[in-house]
C-alpha cells in the first residue's frame, strides 16, 4: 500500500516499511521512485524483520539493497547512473563517488 505523507526522514523522498511504501506528496507521481521502493518492498515481504535489522546494521547489506533499487530506477529511465551514485553517498556507506559508480554497473 502506498501512503502519501510528509513523515519521511529528512533528505529522502520515500521509504518502504513493509507492507507500506511512504512517499512525500510531491513525489507521489514519480514512477521511477515508486519502482525503487517496490524493490525494497518485495525484498522485505519475505523477511521483513531480518531485512530491516540487516539494513540498519550492515553497510554492505544496505549498499547491495540500494544498488538493486537504483538499478531498477535507472533501468526505467527515472535517473542516470551518475545521479544514483550521488544519491548513494547520502546513505553514509563510507564509499566514494567512484566506488558508487562501480557498484552501479
PDB file of N, CA and C in Angstrom:
ATOM      1  N   UNK A   1       0.845  -1.175   0.000  1.00  0.00           N
ATOM      2  CA  UNK A   1       0.000   0.000   0.000  1.00  0.00           C
ATOM      3  C   UNK A   1       0.895   1.244   0.000  1.00  0.00           C
ATOM      4  N   UNK A   2       0.583   2.186  -0.845  1.00  0.00           N
ATOM      5  CA  UNK A   2       1.347   3.431  -0.939  1.00  0.00           C
ATOM      6  C   UNK A   2       0.640   4.504  -0.131  1.00  0.00           C
ATOM      7  N   UNK A   3       1.408   5.143   0.764  1.00  0.00           N
ATOM      8  CA  UNK A   3       0.870   6.171   1.639  1.00  0.00           C
ATOM      9  C   UNK A   3       1.594   7.482   1.345  1.00  0.00           C
ATOM     10  N   UNK A   4       0.850   8.506   1.057  1.00  0.00           N
ATOM     11  CA  UNK A   4       1.408   9.825   0.804  1.00  0.00           C
ATOM     12  C   UNK A   4       1.497  10.577   2.135  1.00  0.00           C
ATOM     13  N   UNK A   5       2.722  10.949   2.527  1.00  0.00           N
ATOM     14  CA  UNK A   5       2.924  11.601   3.822  1.00  0.00           C
ATOM     15  C   UNK A   5       4.217  12.409   3.831  1.00  0.00           C
ATOM     16  N   UNK A   6       4.272  13.393   4.697  1.00  0.00           N
ATOM     17  CA  UNK A   6       5.496  14.166   4.897  1.00  0.00           C
ATOM     18  C   UNK A   6       6.333  13.594   6.036  1.00  0.00           C
ATOM     19  N   UNK A   7       5.887  12.522   6.647  1.00  0.00           N
ATOM     20  CA  UNK A   7       6.585  11.903   7.772  1.00  0.00           C
ATOM     21  C   UNK A   7       7.661  10.927   7.284  1.00  0.00           C
ATOM     22  N   UNK A   8       8.566  11.437   6.493  1.00  0.00           N
ATOM     23  CA  UNK A   8       9.654  10.654   5.912  1.00  0.00           C
ATOM     24  C   UNK A   8      10.949  11.291   6.381  1.00  0.00           C
ATOM     25  N   UNK A   9      11.973  10.473   6.681  1.00  0.00           N
ATOM     26  CA  UNK A   9      13.231  11.051   7.155  1.00  0.00           C
ATOM     27  C   UNK A   9      13.735  12.181   6.257  1.00  0.00           C
ATOM     28  N   UNK A  10      14.274  13.202   6.869  1.00  0.00           N
ATOM     29  CA  UNK A  10      14.815  14.354   6.154  1.00  0.00           C
ATOM     30  C   UNK A  10      15.838  13.901   5.116  1.00  0.00           C
ATOM     31  N   UNK A  11      15.750  14.456   3.929  1.00  0.00           N
ATOM     32  CA  UNK A  11      16.687  14.135   2.871  1.00  0.00           C
ATOM     33  C   UNK A  11      16.235  13.001   1.960  1.00  0.00           C
ATOM     34  N   UNK A  12      15.095  12.393   2.252  1.00  0.00           N
ATOM     35  CA  UNK A  12      14.589  11.297   1.440  1.00  0.00           C
ATOM     36  C   UNK A  12      13.218  11.655   0.888  1.00  0.00           C
ATOM     37  N   UNK A  13      12.882  11.065  -0.254  1.00  0.00           N
ATOM     38  CA  UNK A  13      11.603  11.315  -0.902  1.00  0.00           C
ATOM     39  C   UNK A  13      10.589  10.231  -0.605  1.00  0.00           C
ATOM     40  N   UNK A  14      11.090   9.038  -0.247  1.00  0.00           N
ATOM     41  CA  UNK A  14      10.212   7.902   0.019  1.00  0.00           C
ATOM     42  C   UNK A  14      10.966   6.872   0.854  1.00  0.00           C
ATOM     43  N   UNK A  15      10.219   5.967   1.461  1.00  0.00           N
ATOM     44  CA  UNK A  15      10.833   4.838   2.161  1.00  0.00           C
ATOM     45  C   UNK A  15       9.811   3.714   2.254  1.00  0.00           C
ATOM     46  N   UNK A  16      10.344   2.499   2.335  1.00  0.00           N
ATOM     47  CA  UNK A  16       9.483   1.319   2.426  1.00  0.00           C
ATOM     48  C   UNK A  16       9.635   0.696   3.797  1.00  0.00           C
ATOM     49  N   UNK A  17       8.530   0.340   4.362  1.00  0.00           N
ATOM     50  CA  UNK A  17       8.483  -0.442   5.590  1.00  0.00           C
ATOM     51  C   UNK A  17       7.277  -1.349   5.435  1.00  0.00           C
ATOM     52  N   UNK A  18       7.569  -2.548   4.949  1.00  0.00           N
ATOM     53  CA  UNK A  18       6.520  -3.490   4.566  1.00  0.00           C
ATOM     54  C   UNK A  18       5.457  -3.598   5.640  1.00  0.00           C
ATOM     55  N   UNK A  19       4.177  -3.483   5.307  1.00  0.00           N
ATOM     56  CA  UNK A  19       3.558  -3.540   3.983  1.00  0.00           C
ATOM     57  C   UNK A  19       3.237  -2.165   3.376  1.00  0.00           C
ATOM     58  N   UNK A  20       4.003  -1.152   3.742  1.00  0.00           N
ATOM     59  CA  UNK A  20       3.724   0.193   3.242  1.00  0.00           C
ATOM     60  C   UNK A  20       4.904   0.763   2.465  1.00  0.00           C
ATOM     61  N   UNK A  21       4.582   1.626   1.529  1.00  0.00           N
ATOM     62  CA  UNK A  21       5.560   2.479   0.871  1.00  0.00           C
ATOM     63  C   UNK A  21       5.109   3.900   1.180  1.00  0.00           C
ATOM     64  N   UNK A  22       5.959   4.636   1.873  1.00  0.00           N
ATOM     65  CA  UNK A  22       5.653   6.014   2.238  1.00  0.00           C
ATOM     66  C   UNK A  22       6.341   6.947   1.246  1.00  0.00           C
ATOM     67  N   UNK A  23       5.569   7.871   0.675  1.00  0.00           N
ATOM     68  CA  UNK A  23       6.083   8.784  -0.346  1.00  0.00           C
ATOM     69  C   UNK A  23       5.645  10.202  -0.001  1.00  0.00           C
ATOM     70  N   UNK A  24       6.579  11.128  -0.117  1.00  0.00           N
ATOM     71  CA  UNK A  24       6.208  12.539   0.076  1.00  0.00           C
ATOM     72  C   UNK A  24       5.184  12.913  -0.998  1.00  0.00           C
ATOM     73  N   UNK A  25       4.189  13.723  -0.642  1.00  0.00           N
ATOM     74  CA  UNK A  25       3.126  14.080  -1.598  1.00  0.00           C
ATOM     75  C   UNK A  25       3.642  14.615  -2.930  1.00  0.00           C
ATOM     76  N   UNK A  26       4.703  15.397  -2.892  1.00  0.00           N
ATOM     77  CA  UNK A  26       5.212  15.991  -4.133  1.00  0.00           C
ATOM     78  C   UNK A  26       5.905  14.967  -5.046  1.00  0.00           C
ATOM     79  N   UNK A  27       6.150  13.757  -4.546  1.00  0.00           N
ATOM     80  CA  UNK A  27       6.791  12.706  -5.339  1.00  0.00           C
ATOM     81  C   UNK A  27       5.847  11.538  -5.629  1.00  0.00           C
ATOM     82  N   UNK A  28       4.593  11.707  -5.307  1.00  0.00           N
ATOM     83  CA  UNK A  28       3.601  10.636  -5.444  1.00  0.00           C
ATOM     84  C   UNK A  28       3.482  10.107  -6.873  1.00  0.00           C
ATOM     85  N   UNK A  29       3.730  10.942  -7.854  1.00  0.00           N
ATOM     86  CA  UNK A  29       3.580  10.515  -9.250  1.00  0.00           C
ATOM     87  C   UNK A  29       4.912  10.125  -9.899  1.00  0.00           C
ATOM     88  N   UNK A  30       5.987  10.058  -9.118  1.00  0.00           N
ATOM     89  CA  UNK A  30       7.305   9.696  -9.640  1.00  0.00           C
ATOM     90  C   UNK A  30       7.394   8.169  -9.743  1.00  0.00           C
ATOM     91  N   UNK A  31       7.076   7.646 -10.920  1.00  0.00           N
ATOM     92  CA  UNK A  31       7.011   6.204 -11.146  1.00  0.00           C
ATOM     93  C   UNK A  31       8.357   5.541 -10.879  1.00  0.00           C
ATOM     94  N   UNK A  32       9.449   6.174 -11.285  1.00  0.00           N
ATOM     95  CA  UNK A  32      10.771   5.592 -11.067  1.00  0.00           C
ATOM     96  C   UNK A  32      11.073   5.470  -9.573  1.00  0.00           C
ATOM     97  N   UNK A  33      10.699   6.456  -8.797  1.00  0.00           N
ATOM     98  CA  UNK A  33      10.889   6.406  -7.346  1.00  0.00           C
ATOM     99  C   UNK A  33      10.042   5.291  -6.740  1.00  0.00           C
ATOM    100  N   UNK A  34       8.816   5.165  -7.187  1.00  0.00           N
ATOM    101  CA  UNK A  34       7.937   4.095  -6.691  1.00  0.00           C
ATOM    102  C   UNK A  34       8.546   2.736  -7.031  1.00  0.00           C
ATOM    103  N   UNK A  35       9.089   2.596  -8.242  1.00  0.00           N
ATOM    104  CA  UNK A  35       9.740   1.343  -8.640  1.00  0.00           C
ATOM    105  C   UNK A  35      10.933   1.033  -7.740  1.00  0.00           C
ATOM    106  N   UNK A  36      11.704   2.062  -7.394  1.00  0.00           N
ATOM    107  CA  UNK A  36      12.829   1.910  -6.474  1.00  0.00           C
ATOM    108  C   UNK A  36      12.328   1.336  -5.146  1.00  0.00           C
ATOM    109  N   UNK A  37      11.278   1.932  -4.620  1.00  0.00           N
ATOM    110  CA  UNK A  37      10.735   1.478  -3.335  1.00  0.00           C
ATOM    111  C   UNK A  37      10.098   0.094  -3.447  1.00  0.00           C
ATOM    112  N   UNK A  38       9.547  -0.237  -4.606  1.00  0.00           N
ATOM    113  CA  UNK A  38       8.977  -1.576  -4.796  1.00  0.00           C
ATOM    114  C   UNK A  38      10.045  -2.663  -4.711  1.00  0.00           C
ATOM    115  N   UNK A  39      11.265  -2.348  -5.114  1.00  0.00           N
ATOM    116  CA  UNK A  39      12.365  -3.312  -4.963  1.00  0.00           C
ATOM    117  C   UNK A  39      12.537  -3.625  -3.476  1.00  0.00           C
ATOM    118  N   UNK A  40      12.611  -2.576  -2.654  1.00  0.00           N
ATOM    119  CA  UNK A  40      12.746  -2.785  -1.204  1.00  0.00           C
ATOM    120  C   UNK A  40      11.519  -3.494  -0.639  1.00  0.00           C
ATOM    121  N   UNK A  41      10.359  -3.120  -1.094  1.00  0.00           N
ATOM    122  CA  UNK A  41       9.098  -3.708  -0.629  1.00  0.00           C
ATOM    123  C   UNK A  41       9.098  -5.217  -0.852  1.00  0.00           C
ATOM    124  N   UNK A  42       9.482  -5.629  -2.060  1.00  0.00           N
ATOM    125  CA  UNK A  42       9.492  -7.066  -2.384  1.00  0.00           C
ATOM    126  C   UNK A  42      10.541  -7.815  -1.566  1.00  0.00           C
ATOM    127  N   UNK A  43      11.691  -7.174  -1.346  1.00  0.00           N
ATOM    128  CA  UNK A  43      12.717  -7.810  -0.523  1.00  0.00           C
ATOM    129  C   UNK A  43      12.231  -7.984   0.909  1.00  0.00           C
ATOM    130  N   UNK A  44      11.574  -6.981   1.427  1.00  0.00           N
ATOM    131  CA  UNK A  44      11.105  -7.022   2.812  1.00  0.00           C
ATOM    132  C   UNK A  44       9.964  -8.008   3.017  1.00  0.00           C
ATOM    133  N   UNK A  45       9.188  -8.248   1.993  1.00  0.00           N
ATOM    134  CA  UNK A  45       7.972  -9.060   2.127  1.00  0.00           C
ATOM    135  C   UNK A  45       8.245 -10.444   2.685  1.00  0.00           C
ATOM    136  N   UNK A  46       9.382 -11.025   2.374  1.00  0.00           N
ATOM    137  CA  UNK A  46       9.620 -12.387   2.820  1.00  0.00           C
ATOM    138  C   UNK A  46      10.460 -12.490   4.088  1.00  0.00           C
ATOM    139  N   UNK A  47      11.190 -11.456   4.452  1.00  0.00           N
ATOM    140  CA  UNK A  47      11.972 -11.499   5.692  1.00  0.00           C
ATOM    141  C   UNK A  47      11.989 -10.133   6.374  1.00  0.00           C
ATOM    142  N   UNK A  48      10.875  -9.481   6.478  1.00  0.00           N
ATOM    143  CA  UNK A  48      10.811  -8.091   6.909  1.00  0.00           C
ATOM    144  C   UNK A  48      11.636  -7.784   8.158  1.00  0.00           C
ATOM    145  N   UNK A  49      11.442  -8.442   9.302  1.00  0.00           N
ATOM    146  CA  UNK A  49      12.231  -8.049  10.487  1.00  0.00           C
ATOM    147  C   UNK A  49      13.737  -8.233  10.271  1.00  0.00           C
ATOM    148  N   UNK A  50      14.117  -9.319   9.646  1.00  0.00           N
ATOM    149  CA  UNK A  50      15.533  -9.579   9.386  1.00  0.00           C
ATOM    150  C   UNK A  50      16.082  -8.551   8.403  1.00  0.00           C
ATOM    151  N   UNK A  51      15.324  -8.252   7.358  1.00  0.00           N
ATOM    152  CA  UNK A  51      15.757  -7.284   6.348  1.00  0.00           C
ATOM    153  C   UNK A  51      16.025  -5.926   6.994  1.00  0.00           C
ATOM    154  N   UNK A  52      15.112  -5.463   7.811  1.00  0.00           N
ATOM    155  CA  UNK A  52      15.268  -4.152   8.454  1.00  0.00           C
ATOM    156  C   UNK A  52      16.491  -4.135   9.364  1.00  0.00           C
ATOM    157  N   UNK A  53      16.684  -5.187  10.150  1.00  0.00           N
ATOM    158  CA  UNK A  53      17.856  -5.253  11.032  1.00  0.00           C
ATOM    159  C   UNK A  53      19.154  -5.246  10.231  1.00  0.00           C
ATOM    160  N   UNK A  54      19.208  -6.033   9.175  1.00  0.00           N
ATOM    161  CA  UNK A  54      20.402  -6.049   8.335  1.00  0.00           C
ATOM    162  C   UNK A  54      20.631  -4.703   7.667  1.00  0.00           C
ATOM    163  N   UNK A  55      19.557  -4.073   7.217  1.00  0.00           N
ATOM    164  CA  UNK A  55      19.664  -2.778   6.548  1.00  0.00           C
ATOM    165  C   UNK A  55      20.246  -1.729   7.503  1.00  0.00           C
ATOM    166  N   UNK A  56      19.824  -1.781   8.746  1.00  0.00           N
ATOM    167  CA  UNK A  56      20.303  -0.826   9.741  1.00  0.00           C
ATOM    168  C   UNK A  56      21.734  -1.145  10.181  1.00  0.00           C
ATOM    169  N   UNK A  57      22.029  -2.420  10.382  1.00  0.00           N
ATOM    170  CA  UNK A  57      23.297  -2.831  10.985  1.00  0.00           C
ATOM    171  C   UNK A  57      24.452  -3.022  10.001  1.00  0.00           C
ATOM    172  N   UNK A  58      24.160  -3.322   8.758  1.00  0.00           N
ATOM    173  CA  UNK A  58      25.225  -3.678   7.818  1.00  0.00           C
ATOM    174  C   UNK A  58      25.296  -2.715   6.641  1.00  0.00           C
ATOM    175  N   UNK A  59      26.399  -2.004   6.535  1.00  0.00           N
ATOM    176  CA  UNK A  59      26.597  -1.109   5.390  1.00  0.00           C
ATOM    177  C   UNK A  59      26.641  -1.894   4.086  1.00  0.00           C
ATOM    178  N   UNK A  60      27.262  -3.072   4.126  1.00  0.00           N
ATOM    179  CA  UNK A  60      27.362  -3.907   2.930  1.00  0.00           C
ATOM    180  C   UNK A  60      25.966  -4.319   2.446  1.00  0.00           C
ATOM    181  N   UNK A  61      25.110  -4.737   3.367  1.00  0.00           N
ATOM    182  CA  UNK A  61      23.743  -5.127   3.015  1.00  0.00           C
ATOM    183  C   UNK A  61      22.965  -3.929   2.483  1.00  0.00           C
ATOM    184  N   UNK A  62      23.103  -2.782   3.182  1.00  0.00           N
ATOM    185  CA  UNK A  62      22.387  -1.568   2.765  1.00  0.00           C
ATOM    186  C   UNK A  62      22.829  -1.126   1.375  1.00  0.00           C
ATOM    187  N   UNK A  63      24.156  -1.183   1.113  1.00  0.00           N
ATOM    188  CA  UNK A  63      24.662  -0.818  -0.205  1.00  0.00           C
ATOM    189  C   UNK A  63      24.071  -1.740  -1.277  1.00  0.00           C
ATOM    190  N   UNK A  64      24.087  -3.051  -1.026  1.00  0.00           N
ATOM    191  CA  UNK A  64      23.553  -4.000  -2.010  1.00  0.00           C
ATOM    192  C   UNK A  64      22.070  -3.749  -2.260  1.00  0.00           C
ATOM    193  N   UNK A  65      21.307  -3.486  -1.195  1.00  0.00           N
ATOM    194  CA  UNK A  65      19.874  -3.226  -1.343  1.00  0.00           C
ATOM    195  C   UNK A  65      19.630  -1.953  -2.145  1.00  0.00           C
ATOM    196  N   UNK A  66      20.380  -0.915  -1.854  1.00  0.00           N
ATOM    197  CA  UNK A  66      20.197   0.350  -2.572  1.00  0.00           C
ATOM    198  C   UNK A  66      20.662   0.242  -4.021  1.00  0.00           C
ATOM    199  N   UNK A  67      21.726  -0.493  -4.272  1.00  0.00           N
ATOM    200  CA  UNK A  67      22.186  -0.679  -5.656  1.00  0.00           C
ATOM    201  C   UNK A  67      21.105  -1.385  -6.461  1.00  0.00           C
ATOM    202  N   UNK A  68      20.507  -2.444  -5.903  1.00  0.00           N
ATOM    203  CA  UNK A  68      19.422  -3.140  -6.620  1.00  0.00           C
ATOM    204  C   UNK A  68      18.274  -2.179  -6.938  1.00  0.00           C
ATOM    205  N   UNK A  69      17.906  -1.357  -5.965  1.00  0.00           N
ATOM    206  CA  UNK A  69      16.790  -0.425  -6.157  1.00  0.00           C
ATOM    207  C   UNK A  69      17.144   0.678  -7.160  1.00  0.00           C
ATOM    208  N   UNK A  70      18.356   1.233  -7.062  1.00  0.00           N
ATOM    209  CA  UNK A  70      18.744   2.273  -8.008  1.00  0.00           C
ATOM    210  C   UNK A  70      18.914   1.715  -9.420  1.00  0.00           C
ATOM    211  N   UNK A  71      19.366   0.468  -9.534  1.00  0.00           N
ATOM    212  CA  UNK A  71      19.478  -0.136 -10.862  1.00  0.00           C
ATOM    213  C   UNK A  71      18.102  -0.211 -11.529  1.00  0.00           C
ATOM    214  N   UNK A  72      17.079  -0.527 -10.751  1.00  0.00           N
ATOM    215  CA  UNK A  72      15.714  -0.554 -11.298  1.00  0.00           C
ATOM    216  C   UNK A  72      15.287   0.845 -11.721  1.00  0.00           C
ATOM    217  N   UNK A  73      15.599   1.831 -10.885  1.00  0.00           N
ATOM    218  CA  UNK A  73      15.233   3.209 -11.189  1.00  0.00           C
ATOM    219  C   UNK A  73      15.952   3.679 -12.460  1.00  0.00           C
ATOM    220  N   UNK A  74      17.212   3.307 -12.616  1.00  0.00           N
ATOM    221  CA  UNK A  74      17.977   3.651 -13.818  1.00  0.00           C
ATOM    222  C   UNK A  74      17.379   2.937 -15.028  1.00  0.00           C
ATOM    223  N   UNK A  75      17.066   1.668 -14.848  1.00  0.00           N
ATOM    224  CA  UNK A  75      16.528   0.834 -15.937  1.00  0.00           C
ATOM    225  C   UNK A  75      15.280   1.425 -16.575  1.00  0.00           C
ATOM    226  N   UNK A  76      14.414   2.020 -15.758  1.00  0.00           N
ATOM    227  CA  UNK A  76      13.189   2.572 -16.338  1.00  0.00           C
ATOM    228  C   UNK A  76      13.326   4.049 -16.709  1.00  0.00           C
ATOM    229  N   UNK A  77      14.543   4.565 -16.612  1.00  0.00           N
ATOM    230  CA  UNK A  77      14.811   5.920 -17.081  1.00  0.00           C
ATOM    231  C   UNK A  77      14.465   7.018 -16.090  1.00  0.00           C
ATOM    232  N   UNK A  78      14.326   6.669 -14.829  1.00  0.00           N
ATOM    233  CA  UNK A  78      13.972   7.674 -13.832  1.00  0.00           C
ATOM    234  C   UNK A  78      15.118   8.562 -13.421  1.00  0.00           C
ATOM    235  N   UNK A  79      16.337   7.985 -13.401  1.00  0.00           N
ATOM    236  CA  UNK A  79      17.530   8.751 -13.059  1.00  0.00           C
ATOM    237  C   UNK A  79      18.706   8.196 -13.851  1.00  0.00           C
ATOM    238  N   UNK A  80      19.799   8.937 -13.856  1.00  0.00           N
ATOM    239  CA  UNK A  80      21.017   8.481 -14.517  1.00  0.00           C
ATOM    240  C   UNK A  80      21.886   7.727 -13.518  1.00  0.00           C
ATOM    241  N   UNK A  81      22.865   7.024 -14.027  1.00  0.00           N
ATOM    242  CA  UNK A  81      23.807   6.312 -13.171  1.00  0.00           C
ATOM    243  C   UNK A  81      24.548   7.294 -12.257  1.00  0.00           C
ATOM    244  N   UNK A  82      24.894   8.448 -12.791  1.00  0.00           N
ATOM    245  CA  UNK A  82      25.595   9.463 -12.009  1.00  0.00           C
ATOM    246  C   UNK A  82      24.706   9.985 -10.875  1.00  0.00           C
ATOM    247  N   UNK A  83      23.435  10.208 -11.169  1.00  0.00           N
ATOM    248  CA  UNK A  83      22.508  10.666 -10.128  1.00  0.00           C
ATOM    249  C   UNK A  83      22.360   9.605  -9.036  1.00  0.00           C
ATOM    250  N   UNK A  84      22.278   8.349  -9.449  1.00  0.00           N
ATOM    251  CA  UNK A  84      22.161   7.262  -8.477  1.00  0.00           C
ATOM    252  C   UNK A  84      23.417   7.169  -7.622  1.00  0.00           C
ATOM    253  N   UNK A  85      24.585   7.294  -8.236  1.00  0.00           N
ATOM    254  CA  UNK A  85      25.844   7.241  -7.482  1.00  0.00           C
ATOM    255  C   UNK A  85      25.895   8.377  -6.464  1.00  0.00           C
ATOM    256  N   UNK A  86      25.492   9.553  -6.891  1.00  0.00           N
ATOM    257  CA  UNK A  86      25.461  10.692  -5.970  1.00  0.00           C
ATOM    258  C   UNK A  86      24.494  10.418  -4.812  1.00  0.00           C
ATOM    259  N   UNK A  87      23.334   9.844  -5.121  1.00  0.00           N
ATOM    260  CA  UNK A  87      22.348   9.527  -4.088  1.00  0.00           C
ATOM    261  C   UNK A  87      22.889   8.501  -3.096  1.00  0.00           C
ATOM    262  N   UNK A  88      23.669   7.537  -3.589  1.00  0.00           N
ATOM    263  CA  UNK A  88      24.232   6.522  -2.695  1.00  0.00           C
ATOM    264  C   UNK A  88      25.120   7.139  -1.618  1.00  0.00           C
ATOM    265  N   UNK A  89      25.724   8.264  -1.918  1.00  0.00           N
ATOM    266  CA  UNK A  89      26.594   8.917  -0.952  1.00  0.00           C
ATOM    267  C   UNK A  89      25.830   9.416   0.275  1.00  0.00           C
ATOM    268  N   UNK A  90      24.529   9.623   0.147  1.00  0.00           N
ATOM    269  CA  UNK A  90      23.727  10.132   1.268  1.00  0.00           C
ATOM    270  C   UNK A  90      23.348   9.052   2.281  1.00  0.00           C
ATOM    271  N   UNK A  91      23.699   7.790   2.005  1.00  0.00           N
ATOM    272  CA  UNK A  91      23.339   6.689   2.896  1.00  0.00           C
ATOM    273  C   UNK A  91      24.419   6.386   3.937  1.00  0.00           C
ATOM    274  N   UNK A  92      25.433   7.212   4.032  1.00  0.00           N
ATOM    275  CA  UNK A  92      26.526   7.026   4.997  1.00  0.00           C
ATOM    276  C   UNK A  92      27.127   5.625   4.895  1.00  0.00           C
ATOM    277  N   UNK A  93      27.518   5.274   3.696  1.00  0.00           N
ATOM    278  CA  UNK A  93      28.051   3.941   3.430  1.00  0.00           C
ATOM    279  C   UNK A  93      29.577   3.907   3.408  1.00  0.00           C
ATOM    280  N   UNK A  94      30.209   5.037   3.644  1.00  0.00           N
ATOM    281  CA  UNK A  94      31.669   5.129   3.611  1.00  0.00           C
ATOM    282  C   UNK A  94      32.235   4.729   2.250  1.00  0.00           C
ATOM    283  N   UNK A  95      31.602   5.222   1.188  1.00  0.00           N
ATOM    284  CA  UNK A  95      32.101   4.962  -0.156  1.00  0.00           C
ATOM    285  C   UNK A  95      32.322   6.285  -0.872  1.00  0.00           C
ATOM    286  N   UNK A  96      33.164   6.240  -1.867  1.00  0.00           N
ATOM    287  CA  UNK A  96      33.419   7.420  -2.690  1.00  0.00           C
ATOM    288  C   UNK A  96      32.454   7.415  -3.873  1.00  0.00           C
ATOM    289  N   UNK A  97      32.428   8.518  -4.588  1.00  0.00           N
ATOM    290  CA  UNK A  97      31.609   8.598  -5.790  1.00  0.00           C
ATOM    291  C   UNK A  97      32.053   7.536  -6.795  1.00  0.00           C
ATOM    292  N   UNK A  98      33.372   7.355  -6.929  1.00  0.00           N
ATOM    293  CA  UNK A  98      33.893   6.354  -7.850  1.00  0.00           C
ATOM    294  C   UNK A  98      33.450   4.944  -7.490  1.00  0.00           C
ATOM    295  N   UNK A  99      33.490   4.613  -6.213  1.00  0.00           N
ATOM    296  CA  UNK A  99      33.041   3.281  -5.756  1.00  0.00           C
ATOM    297  C   UNK A  99      31.540   3.126  -5.985  1.00  0.00           C
ATOM    298  N   UNK A 100      30.794   4.200  -5.789  1.00  0.00           N
ATOM    299  CA  UNK A 100      29.357   4.151  -6.038  1.00  0.00           C
ATOM    300  C   UNK A 100      29.087   3.893  -7.514  1.00  0.00           C
ATOM    301  N   UNK A 101      29.847   4.562  -8.387  1.00  0.00           N
ATOM    302  CA  UNK A 101      29.680   4.345  -9.826  1.00  0.00           C
ATOM    303  C   UNK A 101      30.011   2.894 -10.196  1.00  0.00           C
ATOM    304  N   UNK A 102      31.057   2.340  -9.608  1.00  0.00           N
ATOM    305  CA  UNK A 102      31.440   0.947  -9.871  1.00  0.00           C
ATOM    306  C   UNK A 102      30.347  -0.012  -9.415  1.00  0.00           C
ATOM    307  N   UNK A 103      29.729   0.283  -8.288  1.00  0.00           N
ATOM    308  CA  UNK A 103      28.677  -0.589  -7.752  1.00  0.00           C
ATOM    309  C   UNK A 103      27.458  -0.615  -8.664  1.00  0.00           C
ATOM    310  N   UNK A 104      27.262   0.439  -9.410  1.00  0.00           N
ATOM    311  CA  UNK A 104      26.067   0.560 -10.260  1.00  0.00           C
ATOM    312  C   UNK A 104      26.280   0.031 -11.672  1.00  0.00           C
ATOM    313  N   UNK A 105      27.230  -0.852 -11.858  1.00  0.00           N
ATOM    314  CA  UNK A 105      27.487  -1.442 -13.183  1.00  0.00           C
ATOM    315  C   UNK A 105      26.756  -2.752 -13.294  1.00  0.00           C
TER     316      UNK A 105
END
